[in-house]
Amino acid sequence: MGFFDKLKQGLGKTKNSIDEKLNNVFSVFRKVDEELLDELEEVLIMSDIGVETSVKIIDELRIKIKKEKIEDEESVKKALKEIMKEILEVAEPKLNLETVPSVILVIGVNGVGKTTSIGKIANNLVKSGKKVVVAAADTFRAAAVEQLEIWAQRSGSIIVKKEEGADPASVVYDSIKKTKEIGADVLIVDTAGRLHNKKYLMDELLKINKVIEKEMSECSKEVLLVLDAETGQNAISQVKAFKETTNITGLVLTKLDGTAKGGVIIGIVSENNIPVKFIGVGEKIDDMEVFNASDFLDAII
């Protein structure tokens, strides 16, 4: 099964939710008017796209309908997808790994699939011919290091670790040293599942950032925030919390195969101007791919 087929299958619940609601609206209305637009706006809000983004999309759709003299259902759907595509293509989805070495800092609250995502991203990079080091800097959570070690082995990357409770910044320092010593292409740094109300965890993230800035100041750097699509609108508040501490360069959306709330991606990107870099639609090591806006929208509408 190709990744697009996996994507369509994985996004089945989201597609059923959005498509069903859209079709219900179109079955009632025979012409494209304000009443139809109001109903479509409600569909978008109910599909976890969010109020602010839904209003924005419908405002743009209204302009498009007048400008292009749209009068039928298929053309409205096509216009809707075009507007969503423009939102999602806010920036290049590919990772910025211009330098050797480059660094990827991975952040996110516990339970979103952070460790799994690191393993899958490492696998993606190793398969493309890169030598990868993984820093096990989530030293707070029991078994986090062991889990990461399993994923590092699966992906063929090298792990740098210390005992549970060790200073995360020191793990990062050792990992940078190892990366340079062996001439690795990419360093991926795991971090603790930081909740915005746990100040010490946010402080720890700042310390890690300082070590990276000092030791790898000239290197390409990605900060990827992992989000669980199942949390819907809660994911938007997580983005806002993490933005206060670090400059997020990309998003990783996990568990899209288990939810009807995949539409939340559109709201998150629209409100924060941060691109989605990877999406996960399964448990296997290959079930994560670079995000493609067209494929995503074709799979849900």
C-alpha atoms as a PDB file:
ATOM      1  CA  MET A   1       0.000   0.000   0.000  1.00  0.00           C
ATOM      2  CA  GLY A   2       1.433   3.410  -1.012  1.00  0.00           C
ATOM      3  CA  PHE A   3       1.494   6.249   1.501  1.00  0.00           C
ATOM      4  CA  PHE A   4      -1.403   8.091  -0.191  1.00  0.00           C
ATOM      5  CA  ASP A   5      -3.569   4.970   0.137  1.00  0.00           C
ATOM      6  CA  LYS A   6      -2.505   4.697   3.791  1.00  0.00           C
ATOM      7  CA  LEU A   7      -3.358   8.378   4.196  1.00  0.00           C
ATOM      8  CA  LYS A   8      -6.828   7.942   2.681  1.00  0.00           C
ATOM      9  CA  GLN A   9      -7.450   4.924   4.866  1.00  0.00           C
ATOM     10  CA  GLY A  10      -6.007   6.620   7.953  1.00  0.00           C
ATOM     11  CA  LEU A  11      -8.029   9.778   7.432  1.00  0.00           C
ATOM     12  CA  GLY A  12     -11.219   7.793   6.847  1.00  0.00           C
ATOM     13  CA  LYS A  13     -12.894   9.023  10.052  1.00  0.00           C
ATOM     14  CA  THR A  14     -12.082  12.668   9.280  1.00  0.00           C
ATOM     15  CA  LYS A  15     -13.270  12.250   5.677  1.00  0.00           C
ATOM     16  CA  ASN A  16     -16.534  10.618   6.754  1.00  0.00           C
ATOM     17  CA  SER A  17     -17.141  13.422   9.238  1.00  0.00           C
ATOM     18  CA  ILE A  18     -16.414  16.359   6.892  1.00  0.00           C
ATOM     19  CA  ASP A  19     -17.778  14.856   3.662  1.00  0.00           C
ATOM     20  CA  GLU A  20     -20.977  13.678   5.317  1.00  0.00           C
ATOM     21  CA  LYS A  21     -21.646  17.127   6.763  1.00  0.00           C
ATOM     22  CA  LEU A  22     -20.855  18.848   3.437  1.00  0.00           C
ATOM     23  CA  ASN A  23     -23.085  16.473   1.471  1.00  0.00           C
ATOM     24  CA  ASN A  24     -25.938  17.012   3.934  1.00  0.00           C
ATOM     25  CA  VAL A  25     -25.683  20.777   3.343  1.00  0.00           C
ATOM     26  CA  PHE A  26     -25.557  20.447  -0.444  1.00  0.00           C
ATOM     27  CA  SER A  27     -28.509  18.033  -0.483  1.00  0.00           C
ATOM     28  CA  VAL A  28     -30.708  20.735   1.066  1.00  0.00           C
ATOM     29  CA  PHE A  29     -29.568  23.751  -0.971  1.00  0.00           C
ATOM     30  CA  ARG A  30     -30.190  24.133  -4.679  1.00  0.00           C
ATOM     31  CA  LYS A  31     -28.347  27.426  -5.154  1.00  0.00           C
ATOM     32  CA  VAL A  32     -25.160  29.069  -3.952  1.00  0.00           C
ATOM     33  CA  ASP A  33     -26.307  31.860  -1.620  1.00  0.00           C
ATOM     34  CA  GLU A  34     -25.622  33.381   1.820  1.00  0.00           C
ATOM     35  CA  GLU A  35     -27.691  30.734   3.567  1.00  0.00           C
ATOM     36  CA  LEU A  36     -25.519  27.996   2.021  1.00  0.00           C
ATOM     37  CA  LEU A  37     -22.348  29.828   3.122  1.00  0.00           C
ATOM     38  CA  ASP A  38     -23.668  30.084   6.687  1.00  0.00           C
ATOM     39  CA  GLU A  39     -24.300  26.330   6.729  1.00  0.00           C
ATOM     40  CA  LEU A  40     -20.835  25.610   5.302  1.00  0.00           C
ATOM     41  CA  GLU A  41     -19.261  27.784   7.996  1.00  0.00           C
ATOM     42  CA  GLU A  42     -21.048  25.724  10.632  1.00  0.00           C
ATOM     43  CA  VAL A  43     -19.764  22.494   9.021  1.00  0.00           C
ATOM     44  CA  LEU A  44     -16.166  23.758   9.196  1.00  0.00           C
ATOM     45  CA  ILE A  45     -16.537  24.769  12.858  1.00  0.00           C
ATOM     46  CA  MET A  46     -18.037  21.352  13.689  1.00  0.00           C
ATOM     47  CA  SER A  47     -15.127  19.687  11.861  1.00  0.00           C
ATOM     48  CA  ASP A  48     -12.621  21.084  14.419  1.00  0.00           C
ATOM     49  CA  ILE A  49     -11.199  23.679  12.033  1.00  0.00           C
ATOM     50  CA  GLY A  50     -11.963  26.354  14.639  1.00  0.00           C
ATOM     51  CA  VAL A  51     -14.200  29.442  14.605  1.00  0.00           C
ATOM     52  CA  GLU A  52     -11.570  31.993  13.569  1.00  0.00           C
ATOM     53  CA  THR A  53     -10.267  29.921  10.649  1.00  0.00           C
ATOM     54  CA  SER A  54     -13.748  28.813   9.536  1.00  0.00           C
ATOM     55  CA  VAL A  55     -14.911  32.444   9.305  1.00  0.00           C
ATOM     56  CA  LYS A  56     -11.752  33.331   7.360  1.00  0.00           C
ATOM     57  CA  ILE A  57     -12.269  30.446   4.888  1.00  0.00           C
ATOM     58  CA  ILE A  58     -15.921  31.337   4.251  1.00  0.00           C
ATOM     59  CA  ASP A  59     -15.055  35.035   3.771  1.00  0.00           C
ATOM     60  CA  GLU A  60     -12.538  34.032   1.108  1.00  0.00           C
ATOM     61  CA  LEU A  61     -15.004  31.566  -0.421  1.00  0.00           C
ATOM     62  CA  ARG A  62     -17.623  34.336  -0.690  1.00  0.00           C
ATOM     63  CA  ILE A  63     -15.171  36.489  -2.663  1.00  0.00           C
ATOM     64  CA  LYS A  64     -14.175  33.546  -4.881  1.00  0.00           C
ATOM     65  CA  ILE A  65     -17.813  32.660  -5.636  1.00  0.00           C
ATOM     66  CA  LYS A  66     -18.565  36.223  -6.791  1.00  0.00           C
ATOM     67  CA  LYS A  67     -15.333  36.608  -8.738  1.00  0.00           C
ATOM     68  CA  GLU A  68     -15.517  33.239 -10.517  1.00  0.00           C
ATOM     69  CA  LYS A  69     -19.344  33.207 -10.762  1.00  0.00           C
ATOM     70  CA  ILE A  70     -19.555  29.809  -9.071  1.00  0.00           C
ATOM     71  CA  GLU A  71     -23.023  28.264  -9.181  1.00  0.00           C
ATOM     72  CA  ASP A  72     -22.692  24.500  -8.578  1.00  0.00           C
ATOM     73  CA  GLU A  73     -21.774  22.164  -5.735  1.00  0.00           C
ATOM     74  CA  GLU A  74     -18.591  20.681  -7.249  1.00  0.00           C
ATOM     75  CA  SER A  75     -17.147  24.125  -7.982  1.00  0.00           C
ATOM     76  CA  VAL A  76     -17.871  25.243  -4.402  1.00  0.00           C
ATOM     77  CA  LYS A  77     -16.053  22.164  -3.050  1.00  0.00           C
ATOM     78  CA  LYS A  78     -13.143  22.787  -5.430  1.00  0.00           C
ATOM     79  CA  ALA A  79     -12.910  26.433  -4.335  1.00  0.00           C
ATOM     80  CA  LEU A  80     -13.063  25.358  -0.672  1.00  0.00           C
ATOM     81  CA  LYS A  81     -10.121  22.975  -1.179  1.00  0.00           C
ATOM     82  CA  GLU A  82      -8.109  25.663  -3.006  1.00  0.00           C
ATOM     83  CA  ILE A  83      -8.531  28.088  -0.078  1.00  0.00           C
ATOM     84  CA  MET A  84      -7.558  25.396   2.443  1.00  0.00           C
ATOM     85  CA  LYS A  85      -4.525  24.462   0.329  1.00  0.00           C
ATOM     86  CA  GLU A  86      -3.317  28.080   0.378  1.00  0.00           C
ATOM     87  CA  ILE A  87      -3.581  28.068   4.185  1.00  0.00           C
ATOM     88  CA  LEU A  88      -1.712  24.764   4.560  1.00  0.00           C
ATOM     89  CA  GLU A  89       1.080  25.713   2.157  1.00  0.00           C
ATOM     90  CA  VAL A  90       2.284  28.472   4.498  1.00  0.00           C
ATOM     91  CA  ALA A  91       5.889  27.296   4.147  1.00  0.00           C
ATOM     92  CA  GLU A  92       8.097  24.544   2.767  1.00  0.00           C
ATOM     93  CA  PRO A  93       7.150  21.256   4.509  1.00  0.00           C
ATOM     94  CA  LYS A  94      10.587  19.689   3.994  1.00  0.00           C
ATOM     95  CA  LEU A  95      13.050  19.825   6.880  1.00  0.00           C
ATOM     96  CA  ASN A  96      15.754  22.491   6.791  1.00  0.00           C
ATOM     97  CA  LEU A  97      18.882  20.329   7.074  1.00  0.00           C
ATOM     98  CA  GLU A  98      21.267  22.423   5.001  1.00  0.00           C
ATOM     99  CA  THR A  99      24.328  22.031   7.243  1.00  0.00           C
ATOM    100  CA  VAL A 100      26.288  19.011   8.453  1.00  0.00           C
ATOM    101  CA  PRO A 101      25.503  18.507  11.224  1.00  0.00           C
ATOM    102  CA  SER A 102      21.948  19.824  11.577  1.00  0.00           C
ATOM    103  CA  VAL A 103      19.784  19.597  14.688  1.00  0.00           C
ATOM    104  CA  ILE A 104      16.114  18.753  15.246  1.00  0.00           C
ATOM    105  CA  LEU A 105      14.675  19.585  18.675  1.00  0.00           C
ATOM    106  CA  VAL A 106      11.464  17.662  19.345  1.00  0.00           C
ATOM    107  CA  ILE A 107       8.980  19.005  21.895  1.00  0.00           C
ATOM    108  CA  GLY A 108       5.440  18.170  23.012  1.00  0.00           C
ATOM    109  CA  VAL A 109       3.387  17.108  26.036  1.00  0.00           C
ATOM    110  CA  ASN A 110       3.437  13.529  27.297  1.00  0.00           C
ATOM    111  CA  GLY A 111       1.221  11.066  25.459  1.00  0.00           C
ATOM    112  CA  VAL A 112       1.201  12.719  22.027  1.00  0.00           C
ATOM    113  CA  GLY A 113       3.516  10.134  20.438  1.00  0.00           C
ATOM    114  CA  LYS A 114       6.763  12.098  20.681  1.00  0.00           C
ATOM    115  CA  THR A 115       9.121   9.130  21.151  1.00  0.00           C
ATOM    116  CA  THR A 116       7.428   7.181  18.351  1.00  0.00           C
ATOM    117  CA  SER A 117       7.624  10.210  16.054  1.00  0.00           C
ATOM    118  CA  ILE A 118      11.358  10.610  16.730  1.00  0.00           C
ATOM    119  CA  GLY A 119      11.892   6.953  15.792  1.00  0.00           C
ATOM    120  CA  LYS A 120       9.912   7.360  12.569  1.00  0.00           C
ATOM    121  CA  ILE A 121      11.635  10.625  11.587  1.00  0.00           C
ATOM    122  CA  ALA A 122      15.035   9.061  12.328  1.00  0.00           C
ATOM    123  CA  ASN A 123      14.058   6.086  10.156  1.00  0.00           C
ATOM    124  CA  ASN A 124      13.005   8.470   7.360  1.00  0.00           C
ATOM    125  CA  LEU A 125      16.388  10.232   7.516  1.00  0.00           C
ATOM    126  CA  VAL A 126      18.472   7.036   7.769  1.00  0.00           C
ATOM    127  CA  LYS A 127      16.647   5.629   4.729  1.00  0.00           C
ATOM    128  CA  SER A 128      17.602   8.786   2.821  1.00  0.00           C
ATOM    129  CA  GLY A 129      21.282   8.040   3.565  1.00  0.00           C
ATOM    130  CA  LYS A 130      21.899  10.234   6.613  1.00  0.00           C
ATOM    131  CA  LYS A 131      23.786   9.255   9.764  1.00  0.00           C
ATOM    132  CA  VAL A 132      21.582  10.136  12.747  1.00  0.00           C
ATOM    133  CA  VAL A 133      22.303  10.594  16.469  1.00  0.00           C
ATOM    134  CA  VAL A 134      19.401  10.671  18.938  1.00  0.00           C
ATOM    135  CA  ALA A 135      19.767  12.470  22.287  1.00  0.00           C
ATOM    136  CA  ALA A 136      17.681  10.908  25.077  1.00  0.00           C
ATOM    137  CA  ALA A 137      17.163  14.191  26.948  1.00  0.00           C
ATOM    138  CA  ASP A 138      13.761  13.243  28.376  1.00  0.00           C
ATOM    139  CA  THR A 139      15.311  12.121  31.649  1.00  0.00           C
ATOM    140  CA  PHE A 140      12.221  12.888  33.777  1.00  0.00           C
ATOM    141  CA  ARG A 141       9.756  10.285  32.533  1.00  0.00           C
ATOM    142  CA  ALA A 142      10.274   6.699  33.670  1.00  0.00           C
ATOM    143  CA  ALA A 143      11.132   4.379  30.760  1.00  0.00           C
ATOM    144  CA  ALA A 144      11.442   7.255  28.257  1.00  0.00           C
ATOM    145  CA  VAL A 145      15.108   6.453  27.587  1.00  0.00           C
ATOM    146  CA  GLU A 146      14.409   2.715  27.148  1.00  0.00           C
ATOM    147  CA  GLN A 147      11.576   3.439  24.690  1.00  0.00           C
ATOM    148  CA  LEU A 148      13.771   5.785  22.683  1.00  0.00           C
ATOM    149  CA  GLU A 149      16.553   3.201  22.653  1.00  0.00           C
ATOM    150  CA  ILE A 150      14.217   0.648  21.038  1.00  0.00           C
ATOM    151  CA  TRP A 151      13.209   3.149  18.336  1.00  0.00           C
ATOM    152  CA  ALA A 152      16.858   4.139  17.753  1.00  0.00           C
ATOM    153  CA  GLN A 153      17.740   0.476  17.155  1.00  0.00           C
ATOM    154  CA  ARG A 154      14.783   0.002  14.807  1.00  0.00           C
ATOM    155  CA  SER A 155      15.706   3.062  12.794  1.00  0.00           C
ATOM    156  CA  GLY A 156      19.436   2.372  12.663  1.00  0.00           C
ATOM    157  CA  SER A 157      20.417   5.547  14.511  1.00  0.00           C
ATOM    158  CA  ILE A 158      22.879   6.053  17.401  1.00  0.00           C
ATOM    159  CA  ILE A 159      21.565   6.955  20.855  1.00  0.00           C
ATOM    160  CA  VAL A 160      23.308   9.029  23.536  1.00  0.00           C
ATOM    161  CA  LYS A 161      21.826   8.548  27.001  1.00  0.00           C
ATOM    162  CA  LYS A 162      22.394   8.966  30.735  1.00  0.00           C
ATOM    163  CA  GLU A 163      20.686   7.615  33.837  1.00  0.00           C
ATOM    164  CA  GLU A 164      17.098   8.593  34.679  1.00  0.00           C
ATOM    165  CA  GLY A 165      16.941  11.995  36.397  1.00  0.00           C
ATOM    166  CA  ALA A 166      20.204  13.248  34.823  1.00  0.00           C
ATOM    167  CA  ASP A 167      20.483  16.871  33.697  1.00  0.00           C
ATOM    168  CA  PRO A 168      18.863  16.998  30.216  1.00  0.00           C
ATOM    169  CA  ALA A 169      21.161  19.823  29.050  1.00  0.00           C
ATOM    170  CA  SER A 170      24.214  17.659  29.836  1.00  0.00           C
ATOM    171  CA  VAL A 171      22.758  14.839  27.697  1.00  0.00           C
ATOM    172  CA  VAL A 172      22.377  17.320  24.845  1.00  0.00           C
ATOM    173  CA  TYR A 173      25.963  18.527  25.317  1.00  0.00           C
ATOM    174  CA  ASP A 174      27.301  14.938  25.167  1.00  0.00           C
ATOM    175  CA  SER A 175      25.132  14.225  22.124  1.00  0.00           C
ATOM    176  CA  ILE A 176      26.489  17.252  20.249  1.00  0.00           C
ATOM    177  CA  LYS A 177      30.027  16.078  21.061  1.00  0.00           C
ATOM    178  CA  LYS A 178      29.219  12.563  19.748  1.00  0.00           C
ATOM    179  CA  THR A 179      27.558  13.980  16.612  1.00  0.00           C
ATOM    180  CA  LYS A 180      30.681  15.971  15.760  1.00  0.00           C
ATOM    181  CA  GLU A 181      33.053  13.115  16.656  1.00  0.00           C
ATOM    182  CA  ILE A 182      31.461  10.569  14.327  1.00  0.00           C
ATOM    183  CA  GLY A 183      30.573  13.071  11.598  1.00  0.00           C
ATOM    184  CA  ALA A 184      26.813  12.468  11.849  1.00  0.00           C
ATOM    185  CA  ASP A 185      24.474  14.437   9.576  1.00  0.00           C
ATOM    186  CA  VAL A 186      21.606  15.034  11.993  1.00  0.00           C
ATOM    187  CA  LEU A 187      21.139  15.211  15.771  1.00  0.00           C
ATOM    188  CA  ILE A 188      17.565  14.633  16.984  1.00  0.00           C
ATOM    189  CA  VAL A 189      16.938  15.782  20.567  1.00  0.00           C
ATOM    190  CA  ASP A 190      14.110  14.302  22.618  1.00  0.00           C
ATOM    191  CA  THR A 191      12.786  16.482  25.462  1.00  0.00           C
ATOM    192  CA  ALA A 192      10.510  16.006  28.464  1.00  0.00           C
ATOM    193  CA  GLY A 193       6.746  16.221  27.995  1.00  0.00           C
ATOM    194  CA  ARG A 194       6.476  19.809  29.026  1.00  0.00           C
ATOM    195  CA  LEU A 195       3.140  21.092  30.224  1.00  0.00           C
ATOM    196  CA  HIS A 196       2.884  24.882  30.140  1.00  0.00           C
ATOM    197  CA  ASN A 197       2.000  24.993  33.853  1.00  0.00           C
ATOM    198  CA  LYS A 198       5.226  23.164  34.811  1.00  0.00           C
ATOM    199  CA  LYS A 199       7.645  26.052  34.900  1.00  0.00           C
ATOM    200  CA  TYR A 200      10.722  23.942  35.675  1.00  0.00           C
ATOM    201  CA  LEU A 201      10.186  21.918  32.504  1.00  0.00           C
ATOM    202  CA  MET A 202       9.942  25.064  30.391  1.00  0.00           C
ATOM    203  CA  ASP A 203      13.118  26.349  32.089  1.00  0.00           C
ATOM    204  CA  GLU A 204      14.804  23.054  31.175  1.00  0.00           C
ATOM    205  CA  LEU A 205      13.841  23.593  27.540  1.00  0.00           C
ATOM    206  CA  LEU A 206      15.439  27.044  27.633  1.00  0.00           C
ATOM    207  CA  LYS A 207      18.656  25.485  29.035  1.00  0.00           C
ATOM    208  CA  ILE A 208      18.718  22.905  26.223  1.00  0.00           C
ATOM    209  CA  ASN A 209      18.213  25.677  23.672  1.00  0.00           C
ATOM    210  CA  LYS A 210      21.159  27.608  25.149  1.00  0.00           C
ATOM    211  CA  VAL A 211      23.465  24.572  24.830  1.00  0.00           C
ATOM    212  CA  ILE A 212      22.414  24.070  21.188  1.00  0.00           C
ATOM    213  CA  GLU A 213      22.872  27.777  20.390  1.00  0.00           C
ATOM    214  CA  LYS A 214      26.333  27.780  21.980  1.00  0.00           C
ATOM    215  CA  GLU A 215      27.643  24.519  20.506  1.00  0.00           C
ATOM    216  CA  MET A 216      25.818  24.476  17.145  1.00  0.00           C
ATOM    217  CA  SER A 217      25.194  28.160  16.436  1.00  0.00           C
ATOM    218  CA  GLU A 218      26.010  27.855  12.718  1.00  0.00           C
ATOM    219  CA  CYS A 219      23.916  24.736  12.163  1.00  0.00           C
ATOM    220  CA  SER A 220      20.481  24.402  10.576  1.00  0.00           C
ATOM    221  CA  LYS A 221      17.922  23.954  13.345  1.00  0.00           C
ATOM    222  CA  GLU A 222      14.378  22.653  13.348  1.00  0.00           C
ATOM    223  CA  VAL A 223      12.069  22.790  16.375  1.00  0.00           C
ATOM    224  CA  LEU A 224       9.250  20.309  15.822  1.00  0.00           C
ATOM    225  CA  LEU A 225       6.171  20.317  18.056  1.00  0.00           C
ATOM    226  CA  VAL A 226       4.412  16.947  18.159  1.00  0.00           C
ATOM    227  CA  LEU A 227       0.629  17.136  18.468  1.00  0.00           C
ATOM    228  CA  ASP A 228      -1.959  14.411  18.908  1.00  0.00           C
ATOM    229  CA  ALA A 229      -4.729  15.021  16.332  1.00  0.00           C
ATOM    230  CA  GLU A 230      -7.213  13.274  18.648  1.00  0.00           C
ATOM    231  CA  THR A 231      -7.047  16.216  21.080  1.00  0.00           C
ATOM    232  CA  GLY A 232      -8.700  18.524  18.511  1.00  0.00           C
ATOM    233  CA  GLN A 233      -8.965  22.132  19.676  1.00  0.00           C
ATOM    234  CA  ASN A 234      -6.734  21.424  22.708  1.00  0.00           C
ATOM    235  CA  ALA A 235      -3.842  21.049  20.251  1.00  0.00           C
ATOM    236  CA  ILE A 236      -4.212  24.747  19.333  1.00  0.00           C
ATOM    237  CA  SER A 237      -3.721  25.809  22.967  1.00  0.00           C
ATOM    238  CA  GLN A 238      -0.626  23.573  23.181  1.00  0.00           C
ATOM    239  CA  VAL A 239       0.915  25.402  20.208  1.00  0.00           C
ATOM    240  CA  LYS A 240       0.302  28.757  21.896  1.00  0.00           C
ATOM    241  CA  ALA A 241       1.903  27.554  25.164  1.00  0.00           C
ATOM    242  CA  PHE A 242       5.062  26.249  23.486  1.00  0.00           C
ATOM    243  CA  LYS A 243       5.416  29.311  21.254  1.00  0.00           C
ATOM    244  CA  GLU A 244       6.051  31.361  24.406  1.00  0.00           C
ATOM    245  CA  THR A 245       9.214  29.364  25.130  1.00  0.00           C
ATOM    246  CA  THR A 246      10.678  28.437  21.774  1.00  0.00           C
ATOM    247  CA  ASN A 247      10.534  29.297  18.089  1.00  0.00           C
ATOM    248  CA  ILE A 248       8.579  26.380  16.582  1.00  0.00           C
ATOM    249  CA  THR A 249       9.551  25.767  12.951  1.00  0.00           C
ATOM    250  CA  GLY A 250       7.234  22.861  12.195  1.00  0.00           C
ATOM    251  CA  LEU A 251       4.484  20.567  13.420  1.00  0.00           C
ATOM    252  CA  VAL A 252       4.216  16.791  13.542  1.00  0.00           C
ATOM    253  CA  LEU A 253       0.632  15.474  13.633  1.00  0.00           C
ATOM    254  CA  THR A 254       0.181  11.982  15.071  1.00  0.00           C
ATOM    255  CA  LYS A 255      -2.724   9.535  15.490  1.00  0.00           C
ATOM    256  CA  LEU A 256      -4.636  10.869  12.488  1.00  0.00           C
ATOM    257  CA  ASP A 257      -5.838   7.330  11.813  1.00  0.00           C
ATOM    258  CA  GLY A 258      -7.765   7.191  15.090  1.00  0.00           C
ATOM    259  CA  THR A 259      -9.733  10.430  14.936  1.00  0.00           C
ATOM    260  CA  ALA A 260     -12.389  12.373  13.056  1.00  0.00           C
ATOM    261  CA  LYS A 261     -10.681  15.618  14.148  1.00  0.00           C
ATOM    262  CA  GLY A 262      -8.047  15.817  11.381  1.00  0.00           C
ATOM    263  CA  GLY A 263      -9.516  19.152  10.286  1.00  0.00           C
ATOM    264  CA  VAL A 264      -7.803  20.761  13.280  1.00  0.00           C
ATOM    265  CA  ILE A 265      -4.599  20.870  11.182  1.00  0.00           C
ATOM    266  CA  ILE A 266      -6.088  23.660   9.065  1.00  0.00           C
ATOM    267  CA  GLY A 267      -6.965  25.760  12.118  1.00  0.00           C
ATOM    268  CA  ILE A 268      -3.553  25.270  13.749  1.00  0.00           C
ATOM    269  CA  VAL A 269      -1.631  26.292  10.617  1.00  0.00           C
ATOM    270  CA  SER A 270      -3.926  29.251   9.914  1.00  0.00           C
ATOM    271  CA  GLU A 271      -3.747  30.683  13.442  1.00  0.00           C
ATOM    272  CA  ASN A 272      -0.019  30.164  13.970  1.00  0.00           C
ATOM    273  CA  ASN A 273       1.579  30.384  10.529  1.00  0.00           C
ATOM    274  CA  ILE A 274       3.626  27.248  11.263  1.00  0.00           C
ATOM    275  CA  PRO A 275       3.836  24.501   8.615  1.00  0.00           C
ATOM    276  CA  VAL A 276       3.050  20.837   9.173  1.00  0.00           C
ATOM    277  CA  LYS A 277       6.255  18.903   8.403  1.00  0.00           C
ATOM    278  CA  PHE A 278       5.178  15.308   9.091  1.00  0.00           C
ATOM    279  CA  ILE A 279       1.952  13.376   9.574  1.00  0.00           C
ATOM    280  CA  GLY A 280       1.551   9.947  11.105  1.00  0.00           C
ATOM    281  CA  VAL A 281      -1.243   7.572  10.097  1.00  0.00           C
ATOM    282  CA  GLY A 282      -0.304   4.287  11.758  1.00  0.00           C
ATOM    283  CA  GLU A 283       1.868   2.413  14.249  1.00  0.00           C
ATOM    284  CA  LYS A 284       4.553   1.039  11.932  1.00  0.00           C
ATOM    285  CA  ILE A 285       7.972   2.669  11.522  1.00  0.00           C
ATOM    286  CA  ASP A 286       7.151   3.663   7.916  1.00  0.00           C
ATOM    287  CA  ASP A 287       3.759   5.179   8.805  1.00  0.00           C
ATOM    288  CA  MET A 288       5.012   8.758   8.846  1.00  0.00           C
ATOM    289  CA  GLU A 289       5.626  10.936   5.830  1.00  0.00           C
ATOM    290  CA  VAL A 290       6.501  14.499   4.826  1.00  0.00           C
ATOM    291  CA  PHE A 291       3.231  16.470   4.766  1.00  0.00           C
ATOM    292  CA  ASN A 292       1.629  17.190   1.406  1.00  0.00           C
ATOM    293  CA  ALA A 293      -1.315  19.639   1.498  1.00  0.00           C
ATOM    294  CA  SER A 294      -2.910  18.420  -1.764  1.00  0.00           C
ATOM    295  CA  ASP A 295      -2.798  14.763  -0.730  1.00  0.00           C
ATOM    296  CA  PHE A 296      -4.194  15.605   2.699  1.00  0.00           C
ATOM    297  CA  LEU A 297      -7.138  17.571   1.273  1.00  0.00           C
ATOM    298  CA  ASP A 298      -7.854  14.955  -1.409  1.00  0.00           C
ATOM    299  CA  ALA A 299      -8.034  12.375   1.380  1.00  0.00           C
ATOM    300  CA  ILE A 300     -10.597  14.324   3.460  1.00  0.00           C
ATOM    301  CA  ILE A 301     -12.795  16.084   0.852  1.00  0.00           C
END
